[in-house]
Structures are given as structure tokens and as C-alpha cells.
Protein backbone atom coordinates (compact mmCIF):
# COMPACT_ATOMS: atom_id res chain seq x y z
CA MET A 1 -20.95 55.41 16.66
CA ARG A 2 -21.61 53.26 13.58
CA CYS A 3 -19.00 51.24 11.70
CA ASP A 4 -19.39 51.14 7.96
CA VAL A 5 -18.04 47.92 6.56
CA ALA A 6 -17.68 47.56 2.83
CA ARG A 7 -18.57 44.10 1.61
CA PRO A 8 -15.53 42.56 -0.09
CA VAL A 9 -16.05 40.61 -3.31
CA GLY A 10 -16.41 36.89 -2.82
CA ILE A 11 -17.54 36.95 0.84
CA HIS A 12 -21.01 35.81 1.85
CA VAL A 13 -23.42 38.32 3.43
CA GLY A 14 -23.62 36.20 6.62
CA GLN A 15 -19.86 36.50 7.04
CA VAL A 16 -20.05 40.28 6.70
CA LEU A 17 -22.77 40.50 9.37
CA ARG A 18 -20.76 38.36 11.76
CA LYS A 19 -17.65 40.49 11.22
CA THR A 20 -19.66 43.68 11.82
CA ARG A 21 -20.93 42.35 15.14
CA GLU A 22 -17.39 41.45 16.14
CA MET A 23 -16.17 44.91 15.25
CA LYS A 24 -18.92 46.57 17.30
CA ALA A 25 -18.06 44.55 20.40
CA VAL A 26 -16.05 46.26 23.09
CA GLN A 27 -12.48 45.12 23.34
CA THR A 28 -10.15 45.62 26.27
CA CYS A 29 -6.61 46.70 25.58
CA THR A 30 -3.93 45.01 27.60
CA LYS A 31 -1.75 48.15 27.85
CA PRO A 32 -2.64 50.60 30.62
CA ALA A 33 -3.06 54.28 29.78
CA ALA A 34 0.05 56.44 30.15
CA ALA A 35 0.14 57.87 33.71
CA SER A 36 -3.26 57.12 35.15
CA GLY A 37 -2.89 53.36 35.29
CA ARG A 38 -6.39 52.99 33.88
CA VAL A 39 -7.20 50.40 31.30
CA HIS A 40 -8.13 51.96 27.99
CA VAL A 41 -11.41 50.65 26.60
CA ALA A 42 -11.76 51.07 22.87
CA LYS A 43 -14.42 50.20 20.43
CA ALA A 44 -13.60 48.22 17.34
CA CYS A 45 -14.57 51.27 15.27
CA ASP A 46 -11.63 53.18 16.71
CA LYS A 47 -9.26 50.84 14.97
CA ALA A 48 -8.54 50.87 11.27
CA PRO A 49 -10.57 48.39 9.25
CA ILE A 50 -8.86 45.11 8.49
CA ALA A 51 -7.60 44.95 4.92
CA ARG A 52 -8.78 41.83 3.17
CA PRO A 53 -7.42 40.54 -0.10
CA ARG A 54 -9.89 40.75 -2.93
CA THR A 55 -10.97 37.40 -4.30
CA VAL A 56 -11.00 37.16 -8.05
CA PRO A 57 -13.39 34.65 -9.58
CA VAL A 58 -11.69 32.06 -11.79
CA SER A 59 -13.55 30.34 -14.60
CA ARG A 60 -13.44 26.58 -15.02
CA ARG A 61 -11.54 26.94 -18.27
CA ASP A 62 -8.85 29.05 -16.60
CA ALA A 63 -8.60 26.59 -13.71
CA ALA A 64 -8.25 23.66 -16.12
CA MET A 65 -5.56 25.51 -18.07
CA MET A 66 -3.63 26.26 -14.87
CA LEU A 67 -3.88 22.64 -13.71
CA SER A 68 -2.74 21.24 -17.05
CA ALA A 69 0.19 23.67 -17.17
CA ALA A 70 1.18 22.65 -13.64
CA ALA A 71 0.90 18.98 -14.54
CA MET A 72 3.14 19.49 -17.57
CA VAL A 73 5.76 21.24 -15.48
CA VAL A 74 5.64 18.76 -12.60
CA GLY A 75 4.96 15.58 -14.58
CA GLY A 76 7.61 15.81 -17.27
CA ALA A 77 8.47 12.81 -19.41
CA PRO A 78 8.34 9.27 -18.07
CA ALA A 79 11.59 7.68 -16.98
CA ARG A 80 13.03 5.42 -19.65
CA ALA A 81 16.32 4.60 -18.01
CA GLY A 82 15.14 1.32 -16.54
CA ILE A 83 15.52 2.57 -12.98
CA PHE A 84 12.21 1.03 -11.95
CA GLY A 85 12.66 -2.17 -13.92
CA PRO A 86 13.09 -3.12 -17.56
CA PRO A 87 11.27 -1.13 -20.27
CA LYS A 88 7.67 -2.11 -21.03
CA GLU A 89 8.58 -3.47 -24.48
CA GLU A 90 11.02 -6.00 -23.05
CA VAL A 91 8.52 -7.15 -20.42
CA TYR A 92 5.82 -7.58 -23.08
CA LYS A 93 8.17 -9.52 -25.34
CA ALA A 94 9.35 -11.85 -22.54
CA GLU A 95 5.85 -12.53 -21.18
CA THR A 96 4.37 -13.10 -24.62
CA GLN A 97 7.17 -15.50 -25.53
CA SER A 98 6.58 -17.38 -22.26
CA VAL A 99 2.87 -17.74 -23.02
CA LEU A 100 3.67 -18.83 -26.60
CA ASP A 101 5.98 -21.55 -25.29
CA SER A 102 3.34 -22.71 -22.79
CA VAL A 103 0.68 -22.92 -25.53
CA LYS A 104 2.99 -24.91 -27.83
CA GLU A 105 3.91 -27.26 -24.99
CA THR A 106 0.26 -27.78 -24.03
CA LEU A 107 -0.84 -28.39 -27.62
CA ALA A 108 1.90 -30.99 -28.05
CA LEU A 109 0.75 -33.02 -25.03
CA ASP A 110 -0.53 -36.53 -25.64
CA LYS A 111 -4.17 -37.27 -24.78
CA SER A 112 -3.13 -39.86 -22.21
CA ASP A 113 -0.52 -37.69 -20.47
CA PRO A 114 -1.18 -37.71 -16.68
CA THR A 115 -0.13 -34.05 -16.27
CA ARG A 116 -2.37 -32.84 -19.11
CA GLU A 117 -5.12 -31.42 -16.88
CA GLU A 118 -2.65 -29.60 -14.60
CA LYS A 119 -0.80 -28.04 -17.52
CA ILE A 120 -4.02 -26.97 -19.24
CA ASN A 121 -5.27 -25.33 -16.02
CA ALA A 122 -1.90 -23.59 -15.61
CA LEU A 123 -2.16 -22.39 -19.22
CA ARG A 124 -5.67 -21.03 -18.55
CA LYS A 125 -4.39 -18.98 -15.60
CA GLU A 126 -1.36 -17.73 -17.53
CA THR A 127 -3.56 -16.81 -20.50
CA ALA A 128 -6.05 -14.94 -18.31
CA GLN A 129 -3.24 -12.96 -16.65
CA TRP A 130 -1.64 -12.10 -20.00
CA VAL A 131 -4.93 -10.95 -21.52
CA ALA A 132 -5.88 -8.95 -18.42
CA LYS A 133 -2.52 -7.19 -18.39
CA TYR A 134 -2.30 -6.25 -22.07
CA ARG A 135 -5.92 -5.93 -23.24
CA ARG A 136 -6.29 -2.26 -22.26
CA ASP A 137 -2.73 -1.17 -22.91
CA PRO A 138 -2.86 1.00 -26.04
CA SER A 139 0.88 0.67 -26.68
CA VAL A 140 0.45 -3.10 -27.02
CA ALA A 141 -3.15 -3.67 -28.15
CA GLY A 142 -2.47 -2.35 -31.66
CA LYS A 143 0.48 -4.63 -32.34
CA GLN A 144 0.28 -7.48 -34.82
CA SER A 145 1.83 -9.91 -32.33
CA TYR A 146 -0.85 -9.02 -29.77
CA SER A 147 -3.79 -9.53 -32.12
CA ASN A 148 -2.49 -12.86 -33.45
CA MET A 149 -1.63 -14.03 -29.95
CA TYR A 150 -5.04 -13.00 -28.64
CA THR A 151 -6.77 -14.88 -31.48
CA ALA A 152 -4.80 -18.06 -30.78
CA LEU A 153 -5.35 -17.87 -27.02
CA ASN A 154 -9.06 -17.22 -27.51
CA ALA A 155 -9.41 -20.29 -29.74
CA VAL A 156 -7.51 -22.54 -27.29
CA ALA A 157 -9.35 -21.24 -24.21
CA GLY A 158 -12.70 -21.52 -26.00
CA HIS A 159 -12.04 -25.14 -26.87
CA TYR A 160 -11.03 -26.10 -23.34
CA ASN A 161 -13.96 -24.15 -21.82
CA ASN A 162 -16.50 -25.86 -24.08
CA PHE A 163 -15.12 -29.39 -24.36
CA GLY A 164 -13.04 -29.78 -21.20
CA THR A 165 -9.40 -30.68 -20.74
CA LYS A 166 -9.70 -34.29 -21.88
CA ALA A 167 -10.98 -33.58 -25.40
CA PRO A 168 -8.24 -33.03 -28.00
CA ILE A 169 -8.35 -29.97 -30.22
CA PRO A 170 -9.72 -30.86 -33.70
CA LYS A 171 -7.15 -30.94 -36.50
CA LYS A 172 -8.56 -27.99 -38.44
CA ARG A 173 -8.70 -25.75 -35.32
CA LEU A 174 -5.25 -26.90 -34.25
CA GLU A 175 -3.80 -25.93 -37.66
CA ARG A 176 -5.40 -22.49 -37.46
CA VAL A 177 -4.10 -21.97 -33.90
CA LEU A 178 -0.58 -23.01 -34.92
CA VAL A 179 -0.63 -20.59 -37.86
CA GLU A 180 -1.70 -17.75 -35.52
CA ILE A 181 1.00 -18.70 -33.01
CA ASN A 182 3.73 -18.77 -35.68
CA THR A 183 2.57 -15.41 -37.07
CA ALA A 184 2.55 -13.93 -33.56
CA GLU A 185 6.03 -15.31 -32.88
CA ASN A 186 7.42 -13.85 -36.13
CA ALA A 187 5.81 -10.46 -35.44
CA LEU A 188 7.17 -10.51 -31.89
CA ALA A 189 10.68 -11.22 -33.17
CA ARG A 190 10.41 -8.18 -35.50
CA GLY A 191 9.12 -5.97 -32.68
CA ARG A 192 5.64 -5.67 -34.08
């Protein structure tokens, strides 16, 4: 007796052959026959074929649409209630003001101050952290306060990298840095 197995859509030919061999194998039923007490031996063909769900191919576009719809439903809007800390704007404003104060303090140091080198190195670290945090943040990178602050920090860091911590900043460069710092501070106060 031969079992005819229709190949379902989406199943590999090797899987169909393996299933056909399994169906042709002799299986032993665990229930004895009615009165004789004999064990009924049945072939797999005697049983009804197993119904398999049809697989429907999905295009990449459809899959992407389904994923984006699911992300919109699950993701929702970001929390703005301050549950996980203060809003990003307040953090940016506080950190930028802190860096501004550190730059002003460092620029005002006397050349013979014994803590000059320590404070300049601390300013370098603080500047690097500030730049690393806000450089790739699109909500901050377009602000006027960010661009002026970045320009001032770049000029100060460039001077100390090239000339060391003992060399004072030239008057012309110092004036330009102070103008950038004041502009950044005014823009920060206005929320720009």
C-alpha cells in the first residue's frame, strides 16, 4: 500500500521524504483489539494524514512594515515626567554651566599659581567628557550655546595641547575665547 503525501508549501523536499518514511513505518498501537487480546498493528497509511498549516511567504517590505507598526505600538512616546531623572534639557544646561565656570576659573588663574597644572588637567578631562556626551546628540548639537561652547573649548584645549599648561594664553586668543564663552552663556540662559 502506498501513501501519497502532498508537499506543503514552504517545506523542503528532504523534510517531505523523511516524513514519508516515518509514515510508512509500522507502528504498534497500545490498545489491544476488542475481545481477542491481540495487539493491533497498523500502518501509518491507515491513519488520516496530518494536517499542516500552510506557510505563506512574507516579503521583506511587509515584514518591515509589521515590525515598525509593532514598534510604534509597543514603543510609544518617551517618558517626560522625570521619573528616571531630570529632563535632558536641564542636565545639559547644568553641565554646560559647570564647564563654563571651570573654564572661566582656569583662564583667570595666575601663571605662578601652584594649582594651575592640576586645574588645567581637570578642565581637560571635564571638557573631553562634555564634548563626548553632547557631540552626537542631535537635540543639543544644533544649539547656539553648544556651538559657541565647543568653539571656546576647542581653542582652550588646543592651546594647552600645543603649548603646555605653563604657557599663558595669548591676549588675542583669550579675548576671542571670552567672547565665545559670554555668547554661549547668554544663549544658554535663553534656552538656545
